[in-house]
């Protein structure tokens, strides 16, 4: 799942050399086995649960999740909250740390909802939501550990989220679910991803990119939780139990800053990875859900210093800032065991065009062999728009395969690329936009473009940063507009095959459709 970015508080471990994704956003904001088939077995449903994806109240209709991690809650600025908008025009509810049955309490700067993952953790047929609170302060040895981070799993039920099983919390600490130690600036919950493996087992990925390992600060770690109650294991770049993890553990790597996952594979972004002496070049590690001694099996590492990967490692490229992955069945295959992985490289310089950005797409097999199938930028043949300095093309990604058990096609496998630095004039600097590409066939043959005033409702304005919030479901691309003029704050759902400048199919907006009025960054994360 994708998430917004925020500079760290000024603490002993706050650094000026942040993960590349943080640097870029700060500049903006100013303001189962590898051979198993895709199909999972059916499981029994609990009473009142439908088995429909993203259905939290069991009525059989998909619900929508919209986060405002900057929201003020009980007079606490940036405490954060989440809106659950029920499908079928049945209103909405809010989740925060002031909601009944949610542990803890709202505090300034927690940013509840900075990230979230929707999945069925306990396999009862009601969707559950894991909520990332990476700036949660926690206690340890009578001390307050700032920005240690916390993840809360709120279970769905016939009575709605939080109306059934007690919330489950995941945190670090010698007696906590994730073990290890609590440290300032770990940012546990900065990134999350969840789902089911091809064998039907639920999983949750939790990133703590600020984790210090020994004397290596901000090296990063992620936790793999298999099933519920979860068996939690931590993985870093020095982990070798299931095989060597790609990359080398170094200062400011921020391993676990981004995730993408399917039932067969998952990928972990390390946008701060130094390649040789080149800082913040970035890298990606790809894993299988196959567990070896309880740990997911590493398959392959990707970075621009490899001969078979286009481009060259450069300072600030931030390869891996954003990731998107979909199941892939090539022509002639009888099962879906491969994936297509899109990697955002928003700091990529194209010739003399600084920070234009690019996206690289890889086909990865069950065993981890890979080929690069696309290099995408706004100079791609027949593509809409054109490359400009500071576009940061690839800062956010979302992708879908609407027919994972069929041969992939240009209409069923689509990729949305956020271009938040795009501007149409000096009057509308960093207005942003979203470019949608096919992942099969010629990339520019059926790409489309939307931006504020051209498909995305509302008037264009400076620093709207359209493309900083993207969400994917099989039926819709969600584009959040949390920045810019408050009147334009909304989440719009589009068809994946929307025409350039085409209108959304639905709009979610504060004060409409049962959503309460008032927001700070409504739609910073949406699904």
Protein backbone atom coordinates (compact mmCIF):
# COMPACT_ATOMS: atom_id res chain seq x y z
CA UNK A 1 0.00 0.00 0.00
CA UNK A 2 1.16 3.54 -0.85
CA UNK A 3 1.32 6.40 1.73
CA UNK A 4 2.12 10.11 2.05
CA UNK A 5 5.49 11.28 3.34
CA UNK A 6 6.44 13.55 6.20
CA UNK A 7 9.77 14.84 7.50
CA UNK A 8 10.86 13.27 10.80
CA UNK A 9 10.67 15.13 14.06
CA UNK A 10 13.93 16.64 15.24
CA UNK A 11 15.32 13.85 17.40
CA UNK A 12 18.71 12.37 18.06
CA UNK A 13 18.22 10.07 15.09
CA UNK A 14 16.64 12.53 12.68
CA UNK A 15 18.92 12.92 9.68
CA UNK A 16 19.24 15.42 6.88
CA UNK A 17 19.96 12.57 4.45
CA UNK A 18 16.48 11.10 4.53
CA UNK A 19 15.19 8.30 2.35
CA UNK A 20 14.95 9.63 -1.17
CA UNK A 21 11.16 9.43 -1.16
CA UNK A 22 11.05 11.70 1.90
CA UNK A 23 13.38 14.20 0.30
CA UNK A 24 11.24 14.35 -2.82
CA UNK A 25 7.98 14.79 -0.93
CA UNK A 26 9.46 17.42 1.36
CA UNK A 27 10.41 19.37 -1.73
CA UNK A 28 6.86 19.03 -2.98
CA UNK A 29 4.92 19.66 0.17
CA UNK A 30 6.67 22.65 1.43
CA UNK A 31 3.22 22.80 2.63
CA UNK A 32 3.06 -21.14 -1.27
CA UNK A 33 5.09 -22.10 -3.36
CA UNK A 34 6.53 -20.57 -6.48
CA UNK A 35 4.97 -23.20 -8.73
CA UNK A 36 1.45 -22.98 -7.30
CA UNK A 37 -1.39 -21.58 -9.38
CA UNK A 38 -3.09 -18.32 -8.54
CA UNK A 39 -6.49 -19.69 -7.47
CA UNK A 40 -6.85 -20.14 -3.70
CA UNK A 41 -9.17 -22.67 -2.05
CA UNK A 42 -12.53 -21.61 -0.65
CA UNK A 43 -12.83 -21.16 3.12
CA UNK A 44 -15.82 -21.23 5.45
CA UNK A 45 -17.39 -17.85 6.19
CA UNK A 46 -18.31 -16.60 9.65
CA UNK A 47 -21.92 -15.65 10.34
CA UNK A 48 -22.69 -12.27 8.80
CA UNK A 49 -19.58 -12.18 6.59
CA UNK A 50 -19.81 -12.23 2.80
CA UNK A 51 -16.30 -13.07 1.57
CA UNK A 52 -16.40 -10.03 -0.73
CA UNK A 53 -13.12 -8.11 -0.86
CA UNK A 54 -13.16 -4.85 1.10
CA UNK A 55 -16.51 -5.66 2.72
CA UNK A 56 -16.12 -4.75 6.38
CA UNK A 57 -19.76 -5.16 7.49
CA UNK A 58 -20.67 -8.37 5.67
CA UNK A 59 -23.46 -7.00 3.49
CA UNK A 60 -21.85 -8.31 0.29
CA UNK A 61 -21.00 -4.84 -1.09
CA UNK A 62 -17.46 -3.50 -1.45
CA UNK A 63 -16.64 -0.62 0.90
CA UNK A 64 -14.11 2.17 0.38
CA UNK A 65 -11.35 3.25 2.78
CA UNK A 66 -10.15 6.85 2.77
CA UNK A 67 -7.50 8.13 5.17
CA UNK A 68 -6.83 11.63 6.46
CA UNK A 69 -3.63 11.11 8.49
CA UNK A 70 -3.30 14.87 9.05
CA UNK A 71 -6.76 15.21 10.61
CA UNK A 72 -7.27 16.88 13.97
CA UNK A 73 -8.95 14.51 16.44
CA UNK A 74 -10.19 15.83 19.79
CA UNK A 75 -8.10 18.96 19.29
CA UNK A 76 -4.95 16.93 18.62
CA UNK A 77 -3.44 18.10 15.31
CA UNK A 78 -2.29 15.42 12.88
CA UNK A 79 -3.62 12.63 15.09
CA UNK A 80 -5.23 11.12 11.99
CA UNK A 81 -8.35 9.19 11.15
CA UNK A 82 -9.83 6.83 8.56
CA UNK A 83 -13.22 6.96 6.85
CA UNK A 84 -14.93 3.67 6.00
CA UNK A 85 -17.48 4.54 3.32
CA UNK A 86 -20.02 1.73 3.08
CA UNK A 87 -21.03 0.53 -0.37
CA UNK A 88 -24.63 0.84 -1.44
CA UNK A 89 -24.96 4.43 -0.16
CA UNK A 90 -25.18 3.26 3.46
CA UNK A 91 -23.19 6.12 4.96
CA UNK A 92 -19.80 5.98 6.60
CA UNK A 93 -18.01 5.57 9.90
CA UNK A 94 -14.76 6.93 11.23
CA UNK A 95 -11.89 5.06 12.81
CA UNK A 96 -9.39 6.80 15.04
CA UNK A 97 -7.74 6.16 18.37
CA UNK A 98 -10.74 7.87 19.94
CA UNK A 99 -13.20 5.38 18.39
CA UNK A 100 -14.82 2.94 20.84
CA UNK A 101 -12.91 -0.36 21.07
CA UNK A 102 -9.76 1.11 19.45
CA UNK A 103 -6.89 1.04 21.99
CA UNK A 104 -4.85 4.09 22.86
CA UNK A 105 -5.84 7.70 22.42
CA UNK A 106 -5.39 10.41 19.84
CA UNK A 107 -2.14 12.34 20.23
CA UNK A 108 -0.57 15.12 18.18
CA UNK A 109 1.43 13.93 15.17
CA UNK A 110 0.57 10.20 15.43
CA UNK A 111 -0.83 10.15 11.88
CA UNK A 112 -3.19 7.22 12.32
CA UNK A 113 -3.89 6.00 8.79
CA UNK A 114 -0.57 7.12 7.28
CA UNK A 115 -0.69 3.67 5.66
CA UNK A 116 -3.20 0.84 5.69
CA UNK A 117 -3.76 -2.63 4.24
CA UNK A 118 -7.13 -4.24 3.59
CA UNK A 119 -7.21 -8.05 3.79
CA UNK A 120 -9.00 -10.88 5.60
CA UNK A 121 -6.59 -11.51 8.46
CA UNK A 122 -8.60 -14.20 10.25
CA UNK A 123 -10.17 -15.83 7.15
CA UNK A 124 -13.75 -15.38 8.39
CA UNK A 125 -14.99 -13.70 5.21
CA UNK A 126 -15.18 -10.16 6.62
CA UNK A 127 -12.46 -7.80 5.49
CA UNK A 128 -10.13 -6.41 8.14
CA UNK A 129 -7.91 -3.34 8.08
CA UNK A 130 -4.36 -3.02 9.34
CA UNK A 131 -3.66 0.62 10.19
CA UNK A 132 -0.14 2.04 10.21
CA UNK A 133 0.67 4.67 12.87
CA UNK A 134 4.40 5.17 12.25
CA UNK A 135 4.71 8.28 14.42
CA UNK A 136 3.11 6.74 17.51
CA UNK A 137 5.14 7.36 20.67
CA UNK A 138 5.49 4.27 22.88
CA UNK A 139 6.84 3.61 26.36
CA UNK A 140 9.94 1.56 27.16
CA UNK A 141 11.69 1.41 30.54
CA UNK A 142 9.79 4.44 31.81
CA UNK A 143 10.91 6.43 28.78
CA UNK A 144 8.86 7.77 25.89
CA UNK A 145 10.18 6.48 22.58
CA UNK A 146 9.16 8.99 19.95
CA UNK A 147 8.04 7.83 16.52
CA UNK A 148 8.55 4.17 17.44
CA UNK A 149 5.43 3.26 15.46
CA UNK A 150 2.51 0.91 15.88
CA UNK A 151 0.15 -1.19 13.74
CA UNK A 152 -3.43 -1.92 14.76
CA UNK A 153 -5.59 -4.59 13.08
CA UNK A 154 -9.28 -3.66 13.24
CA UNK A 155 -11.42 -6.69 12.43
CA UNK A 156 -14.54 -6.52 10.31
CA UNK A 157 -17.82 -8.03 11.47
CA UNK A 158 -21.56 -7.96 10.79
CA UNK A 159 -21.59 -4.97 13.15
CA UNK A 160 -18.88 -3.20 11.17
CA UNK A 161 -15.17 -2.61 11.83
CA UNK A 162 -14.32 -2.94 15.52
CA UNK A 163 -17.73 -4.39 16.32
CA UNK A 164 -16.52 -7.96 16.84
CA UNK A 165 -13.07 -9.28 17.76
CA UNK A 166 -10.79 -7.08 19.82
CA UNK A 167 -8.24 -5.00 17.97
CA UNK A 168 -4.82 -6.63 17.67
CA UNK A 169 -1.72 -4.49 18.04
CA UNK A 170 1.74 -5.11 16.61
CA UNK A 171 4.73 -3.27 17.99
CA UNK A 172 8.39 -3.83 18.71
CA UNK A 173 9.72 -4.69 22.16
CA UNK A 174 11.02 -7.69 24.09
CA UNK A 175 7.51 -8.68 25.22
CA UNK A 176 5.65 -7.34 22.16
CA UNK A 177 4.48 -9.23 19.08
CA UNK A 178 7.43 -8.21 16.90
CA UNK A 179 10.29 -8.57 19.36
CA UNK A 180 13.41 -6.46 19.15
CA UNK A 181 13.74 -3.06 20.75
CA UNK A 182 11.78 0.17 20.54
CA UNK A 183 13.86 3.03 19.25
CA UNK A 184 13.24 6.62 18.34
CA UNK A 185 12.36 6.99 14.69
CA UNK A 186 11.81 3.32 13.80
CA UNK A 187 8.61 4.31 11.95
CA UNK A 188 7.00 0.89 12.33
CA UNK A 189 3.96 0.85 10.04
CA UNK A 190 5.35 3.34 7.52
CA UNK A 191 4.40 0.87 4.77
CA UNK A 192 1.92 -2.02 4.83
CA UNK A 193 0.68 -4.68 2.42
CA UNK A 194 -1.65 -7.60 3.05
CA UNK A 195 -3.56 -10.32 1.25
CA UNK A 196 -3.74 -14.07 0.73
CA UNK A 197 -1.09 -16.37 -0.64
CA UNK A 198 -1.96 -18.74 -3.47
CA UNK A 199 -2.43 -21.40 -0.78
CA UNK A 200 -5.09 -19.24 0.88
CA UNK A 201 -3.07 -18.16 3.93
CA UNK A 202 -3.36 -14.53 4.99
CA UNK A 203 -0.20 -12.44 5.26
CA UNK A 204 0.74 -8.95 6.38
CA UNK A 205 3.93 -7.03 5.57
CA UNK A 206 4.98 -4.28 7.99
CA UNK A 207 7.81 -1.90 7.17
CA UNK A 208 10.00 -0.15 9.74
CA UNK A 209 12.41 1.73 7.47
CA UNK A 210 13.90 3.79 10.30
CA UNK A 211 15.10 0.72 12.24
CA UNK A 212 18.71 0.88 13.39
CA UNK A 213 20.59 -2.42 13.20
CA UNK A 214 23.61 -2.40 15.45
CA UNK A 215 25.39 0.86 14.70
CA UNK A 216 23.79 1.19 11.26
CA UNK A 217 21.05 3.76 11.64
CA UNK A 218 18.00 3.82 9.39
CA UNK A 219 19.01 0.51 7.79
CA UNK A 220 15.41 -0.70 7.91
CA UNK A 221 13.56 -3.95 8.46
CA UNK A 222 10.26 -5.50 7.53
CA UNK A 223 8.12 -8.05 9.34
CA UNK A 224 6.30 -10.92 7.65
CA UNK A 225 3.19 -12.06 9.50
CA UNK A 226 1.72 -15.33 8.27
CA UNK A 227 -1.89 -16.14 9.24
CA UNK A 228 -3.73 -14.86 12.30
CA UNK A 229 -2.75 -15.10 15.11
CA UNK A 230 0.35 -14.17 13.23
CA UNK A 231 3.73 -15.80 13.27
CA UNK A 232 5.88 -12.70 13.00
CA UNK A 233 9.41 -12.73 11.63
CA UNK A 234 11.74 -9.83 10.95
CA UNK A 235 13.82 -9.62 7.77
CA UNK A 236 16.68 -7.24 7.05
CA UNK A 237 19.43 -7.13 4.47
CA UNK A 238 21.72 -9.25 6.64
CA UNK A 239 19.14 -12.05 7.04
CA UNK A 240 20.36 -15.33 5.52
CA UNK A 241 18.14 -18.04 7.06
CA UNK A 242 15.95 -18.52 3.96
CA UNK A 243 18.73 -17.45 1.60
CA UNK A 244 20.65 -14.19 1.23
CA UNK A 245 18.51 -11.06 1.09
CA UNK A 246 19.54 -8.84 -1.84
CA UNK A 247 21.41 -5.67 -1.03
CA UNK A 248 23.87 -4.65 1.65
CA UNK A 249 22.82 -3.21 4.99
CA UNK A 250 23.97 0.40 5.11
CA UNK A 251 23.23 3.75 6.68
CA UNK A 252 20.02 5.35 5.37
CA UNK A 253 18.96 2.42 3.17
CA UNK A 254 15.40 2.56 4.56
CA UNK A 255 14.71 -1.10 3.65
CA UNK A 256 10.93 -1.60 3.98
CA UNK A 257 9.88 1.84 2.76
CA UNK A 258 7.57 0.40 0.10
CA UNK A 259 5.83 -2.88 -0.73
CA UNK A 260 3.94 -4.56 -3.54
CA UNK A 261 2.48 -8.05 -3.34
CA UNK A 262 0.48 -10.75 -5.11
CA UNK A 263 -0.51 -14.27 -3.98
CA UNK A 264 2.82 -15.66 -5.28
CA UNK A 265 5.44 -12.91 -4.86
CA UNK A 266 6.13 -9.70 -2.98
CA UNK A 267 8.67 -6.91 -3.40
CA UNK A 268 10.37 -4.65 -0.85
CA UNK A 269 11.72 -1.21 -1.75
CA UNK A 270 15.02 0.21 -0.49
CA UNK A 271 15.04 3.69 -2.06
CA UNK A 272 17.99 4.87 0.03
CA UNK A 273 20.25 1.99 -1.05
CA UNK A 274 23.76 3.10 -1.99
CA UNK A 275 25.13 1.34 -5.07
CA UNK A 276 28.89 1.37 -4.64
CA UNK A 277 29.66 4.98 -3.76
CA UNK A 278 26.43 6.31 -5.30
CA UNK A 279 24.03 7.35 -2.49
CA UNK A 280 20.27 6.97 -2.68
CA UNK A 281 20.44 5.10 -5.98
CA UNK A 282 17.90 2.58 -4.66
CA UNK A 283 17.11 -1.10 -5.00
CA UNK A 284 14.34 -3.69 -4.74
CA UNK A 285 14.28 -7.20 -3.26
CA UNK A 286 11.74 -9.76 -4.51
CA UNK A 287 10.55 -12.65 -2.35
CA UNK A 288 8.31 -15.72 -2.58
CA UNK A 289 5.63 -16.41 0.03
CA UNK A 290 7.25 -19.83 0.44
CA UNK A 291 8.53 -20.00 4.02
CA UNK A 292 11.95 -21.51 4.78
CA UNK A 293 12.52 -21.95 8.51
CA UNK A 294 9.61 -19.55 8.97
CA UNK A 295 11.07 -16.83 6.74
CA UNK A 296 9.96 -15.83 3.23
CA UNK A 297 12.32 -17.03 0.52
CA UNK A 298 14.36 -14.30 -1.26
CA UNK A 299 14.27 -14.66 -5.05
CA UNK A 300 16.13 -11.80 -6.71
CA UNK A 301 17.43 -8.26 -6.28
CA UNK A 302 16.96 -5.45 -8.79
CA UNK A 303 19.03 -2.30 -9.21
CA UNK A 304 20.29 -0.14 -12.05
CA UNK A 305 23.89 -1.35 -11.74
CA UNK A 306 22.89 -4.70 -13.31
CA UNK A 307 23.81 -5.11 -16.98
CA UNK A 308 20.38 -6.48 -17.88
CA UNK A 309 18.58 -3.48 -16.35
CA UNK A 310 18.34 -0.28 -18.33
CA UNK A 311 19.78 2.92 -16.95
CA UNK A 312 22.68 3.62 -14.63
CA UNK A 313 22.79 4.08 -10.89
CA UNK A 314 22.83 7.80 -10.07
CA UNK A 315 22.67 9.72 -6.84
CA UNK A 316 19.08 10.41 -5.83
CA UNK A 317 17.43 8.14 -8.40
CA UNK A 318 15.49 6.49 -5.55
CA UNK A 319 14.80 3.30 -7.50
CA UNK A 320 12.07 1.53 -5.50
CA UNK A 321 10.36 4.58 -4.02
CA UNK A 322 7.08 3.18 -5.32
CA UNK A 323 6.18 -0.37 -6.33
CA UNK A 324 3.20 -2.06 -7.99
CA UNK A 325 2.82 -5.75 -8.77
CA UNK A 326 0.17 -7.85 -10.53
CA UNK A 327 -0.24 -11.55 -11.33
CA UNK A 328 0.78 -12.32 -14.92
CA UNK A 329 -0.19 -15.22 -17.18
CA UNK A 330 1.65 -15.20 -20.50
CA UNK A 331 0.16 -16.62 -23.66
CA UNK A 332 0.19 -20.42 -23.60
CA UNK A 333 0.49 -20.77 -19.82
CA UNK A 334 -2.15 -22.81 -17.98
CA UNK A 335 -1.66 -21.24 -14.53
CA UNK A 336 -0.65 -17.87 -13.12
CA UNK A 337 2.72 -18.22 -11.42
CA UNK A 338 4.51 -15.12 -12.74
CA UNK A 339 4.19 -11.42 -11.92
CA UNK A 340 4.77 -8.05 -13.51
CA UNK A 341 6.56 -5.64 -11.16
CA UNK A 342 6.63 -1.90 -11.79
CA UNK A 343 9.37 0.08 -10.02
CA UNK A 344 9.16 3.85 -9.64
CA UNK A 345 12.40 5.81 -10.15
CA UNK A 346 11.12 9.37 -9.53
CA UNK A 347 14.57 10.94 -9.21
CA UNK A 348 15.77 9.64 -12.58
CA UNK A 349 17.46 12.28 -14.73
CA UNK A 350 16.74 11.95 -18.45
CA UNK A 351 19.75 13.42 -20.21
CA UNK A 352 19.83 16.97 -18.83
CA UNK A 353 16.23 16.88 -17.55
CA UNK A 354 16.71 16.63 -13.80
CA UNK A 355 14.27 14.56 -11.72
CA UNK A 356 12.05 13.84 -14.69
CA UNK A 357 11.43 10.35 -13.36
CA UNK A 358 10.90 6.94 -14.92
CA UNK A 359 9.24 3.58 -14.29
CA UNK A 360 10.80 0.20 -15.08
CA UNK A 361 8.64 -2.91 -15.46
CA UNK A 362 9.94 -6.44 -14.94
CA UNK A 363 8.49 -9.87 -15.66
CA UNK A 364 9.44 -12.22 -12.82
CA UNK A 365 9.00 -15.99 -12.90
CA UNK A 366 8.18 -18.36 -10.06
CA UNK A 367 11.87 -19.11 -9.55
CA UNK A 368 12.97 -15.46 -9.61
CA UNK A 369 14.41 -15.16 -13.10
CA UNK A 370 13.47 -11.83 -14.61
CA UNK A 371 13.46 -9.72 -17.74
CA UNK A 372 12.86 -6.01 -18.12
CA UNK A 373 9.83 -5.54 -20.34
CA UNK A 374 9.37 -1.75 -20.25
CA UNK A 375 11.13 1.49 -19.60
CA UNK A 376 8.45 4.14 -19.23
CA UNK A 377 8.80 7.89 -19.16
CA UNK A 378 6.99 10.75 -20.81
CA UNK A 379 9.23 10.45 -23.86
CA UNK A 380 7.85 6.95 -24.52
CA UNK A 381 6.75 6.61 -28.14
CA UNK A 382 3.17 7.82 -28.72
CA UNK A 383 2.67 8.57 -25.00
CA UNK A 384 0.71 11.57 -23.78
CA UNK A 385 2.51 14.60 -22.30
CA UNK A 386 6.24 15.27 -22.36
CA UNK A 387 9.16 15.01 -19.99
CA UNK A 388 10.07 18.04 -17.88
CA UNK A 389 12.43 18.69 -15.00
CA UNK A 390 10.90 18.05 -11.59
CA UNK A 391 7.99 15.94 -12.83
CA UNK A 392 8.93 13.05 -10.49
CA UNK A 393 7.19 10.60 -12.81
CA UNK A 394 6.84 7.36 -10.81
CA UNK A 395 6.59 8.86 -7.33
CA UNK A 396 3.45 6.75 -6.84
CA UNK A 397 2.21 3.63 -8.68
CA UNK A 398 -0.93 1.49 -8.77
CA UNK A 399 -1.65 -1.51 -10.98
CA UNK A 400 -4.36 -4.06 -11.64
CA UNK A 401 -4.97 -7.35 -13.42
CA UNK A 402 -8.72 -7.59 -13.82
CA UNK A 403 -8.50 -11.20 -15.08
CA UNK A 404 -5.58 -12.89 -13.28
CA UNK A 405 -6.62 -16.40 -14.32
CA UNK A 406 -6.63 -15.51 -18.03
CA UNK A 407 -3.92 -14.60 -20.52
CA UNK A 408 -2.91 -10.99 -19.85
CA UNK A 409 -3.91 -8.29 -22.34
CA UNK A 410 -3.58 -4.54 -22.75
CA UNK A 411 -7.10 -4.01 -21.40
CA UNK A 412 -6.83 -6.32 -18.37
CA UNK A 413 -3.35 -5.38 -17.10
CA UNK A 414 -2.98 -1.65 -16.45
CA UNK A 415 -0.54 0.63 -14.60
CA UNK A 416 -1.22 4.10 -13.18
CA UNK A 417 1.78 6.39 -12.70
CA UNK A 418 1.67 9.44 -10.44
CA UNK A 419 3.40 12.54 -11.82
CA UNK A 420 2.97 15.00 -8.94
CA UNK A 421 5.48 17.57 -10.21
CA UNK A 422 3.73 18.02 -13.57
CA UNK A 423 2.78 21.60 -14.35
CA UNK A 424 0.80 23.09 -17.21
CA UNK A 425 2.04 26.65 -16.65
CA UNK A 426 3.88 28.78 -14.13
CA UNK A 427 0.45 29.60 -12.73
CA UNK A 428 -0.19 25.94 -11.91
CA UNK A 429 3.19 24.72 -10.70
CA UNK A 430 3.17 21.14 -9.36
CA UNK A 431 -0.45 20.69 -10.32
CA UNK A 432 0.37 17.05 -10.98
CA UNK A 433 -1.37 14.35 -12.98
CA UNK A 434 -1.83 10.63 -13.54
CA UNK A 435 -0.75 8.64 -16.61
CA UNK A 436 -2.22 5.18 -17.25
CA UNK A 437 -0.41 2.61 -19.40
CA UNK A 438 -1.08 -0.92 -20.63
CA UNK A 439 1.35 -3.51 -19.31
CA UNK A 440 1.04 -5.72 -22.39
CA UNK A 441 1.76 -4.51 -25.93
CA UNK A 442 3.08 -1.11 -26.95
CA UNK A 443 3.13 1.16 -23.89
CA UNK A 444 2.05 4.27 -25.76
CA UNK A 445 -0.65 2.55 -27.81
CA UNK A 446 -3.43 3.02 -25.26
CA UNK A 447 -2.04 5.29 -22.56
CA UNK A 448 -4.26 8.02 -21.13
CA UNK A 449 -3.75 11.18 -19.09
CA UNK A 450 -5.87 12.88 -16.41
CA UNK A 451 -5.11 15.90 -14.27
CA UNK A 452 -7.04 18.62 -12.39
CA UNK A 453 -9.48 20.21 -14.81
CA UNK A 454 -8.90 17.46 -17.38
CA UNK A 455 -10.75 14.43 -16.04
CA UNK A 456 -10.03 15.10 -12.37
CA UNK A 457 -12.87 17.40 -11.23
CA UNK A 458 -12.12 20.88 -9.96
CA UNK A 459 -10.05 23.84 -11.02
CA UNK A 460 -6.30 23.48 -11.52
CA UNK A 461 -4.18 25.20 -8.88
CA UNK A 462 -0.57 25.25 -7.68
CA UNK A 463 0.74 22.41 -5.51
CA UNK A 464 -2.23 20.11 -5.92
CA UNK A 465 0.27 17.27 -6.42
CA UNK A 466 -2.21 15.09 -8.26
CA UNK A 467 -0.75 11.59 -8.42
CA UNK A 468 0.56 11.53 -4.84
CA UNK A 469 -2.37 9.29 -3.82
CA UNK A 470 -3.25 6.29 -5.98
CA UNK A 471 -5.22 3.18 -5.02
CA UNK A 472 -6.13 0.08 -6.99
CA UNK A 473 -9.07 -2.30 -6.91
CA UNK A 474 -10.12 -4.67 -9.71
CA UNK A 475 -12.90 -2.31 -10.73
CA UNK A 476 -11.44 1.14 -10.08
CA UNK A 477 -8.41 3.37 -9.97
CA UNK A 478 -8.66 5.70 -6.97
CA UNK A 479 -7.08 9.14 -7.27
CA UNK A 480 -6.90 11.10 -4.03
CA UNK A 481 -6.66 14.90 -4.02
CA UNK A 482 -5.64 15.78 -0.43
CA UNK A 483 -3.56 18.81 -1.33
CA UNK A 484 -4.23 22.19 -2.89
CA UNK A 485 -7.41 24.22 -2.24
CA UNK A 486 -9.63 22.58 0.41
CA UNK A 487 -12.66 22.77 -1.87
CA UNK A 488 -10.98 20.27 -4.17
CA UNK A 489 -10.18 17.68 -1.52
CA UNK A 490 -11.83 14.45 -2.66
CA UNK A 491 -11.20 10.92 -3.87
CA UNK A 492 -12.26 10.08 -7.40
CA UNK A 493 -12.65 6.57 -8.81
CA UNK A 494 -11.97 6.06 -12.50
CA UNK A 495 -12.33 3.15 -14.87
CA UNK A 496 -8.94 1.59 -15.55
CA UNK A 497 -9.62 2.14 -19.25
CA UNK A 498 -10.70 5.76 -18.85
CA UNK A 499 -10.04 7.95 -21.89
CA UNK A 500 -7.71 10.93 -21.59
CA UNK A 501 -9.63 13.64 -19.74
CA UNK A 502 -12.45 11.21 -19.00
CA UNK A 503 -14.75 11.71 -16.03
CA UNK A 504 -14.66 9.67 -12.81
CA UNK A 505 -17.31 7.04 -12.13
CA UNK A 506 -17.71 8.16 -8.50
CA UNK A 507 -16.49 10.93 -6.24
CA UNK A 508 -16.11 10.80 -2.45
CA UNK A 509 -16.01 14.19 -0.80
CA UNK A 510 -16.30 15.55 2.76
CA UNK A 511 -19.86 16.68 3.42
CA UNK A 512 -21.35 14.43 0.75
CA UNK A 513 -22.71 10.87 0.70
CA UNK A 514 -22.69 10.48 4.47
CA UNK A 515 -19.04 11.56 4.86
CA UNK A 516 -18.64 14.17 7.63
CA UNK A 517 -17.54 17.68 6.74
CA UNK A 518 -14.08 18.93 7.53
CA UNK A 519 -10.68 17.57 6.62
CA UNK A 520 -7.00 18.38 6.42
CA UNK A 521 -5.67 15.85 3.91
CA UNK A 522 -8.74 13.80 2.97
CA UNK A 523 -7.69 11.07 0.53
CA UNK A 524 -3.97 11.00 1.30
CA UNK A 525 -4.39 7.22 1.11
CA UNK A 526 -7.44 5.55 -0.48
CA UNK A 527 -8.61 2.13 -1.61
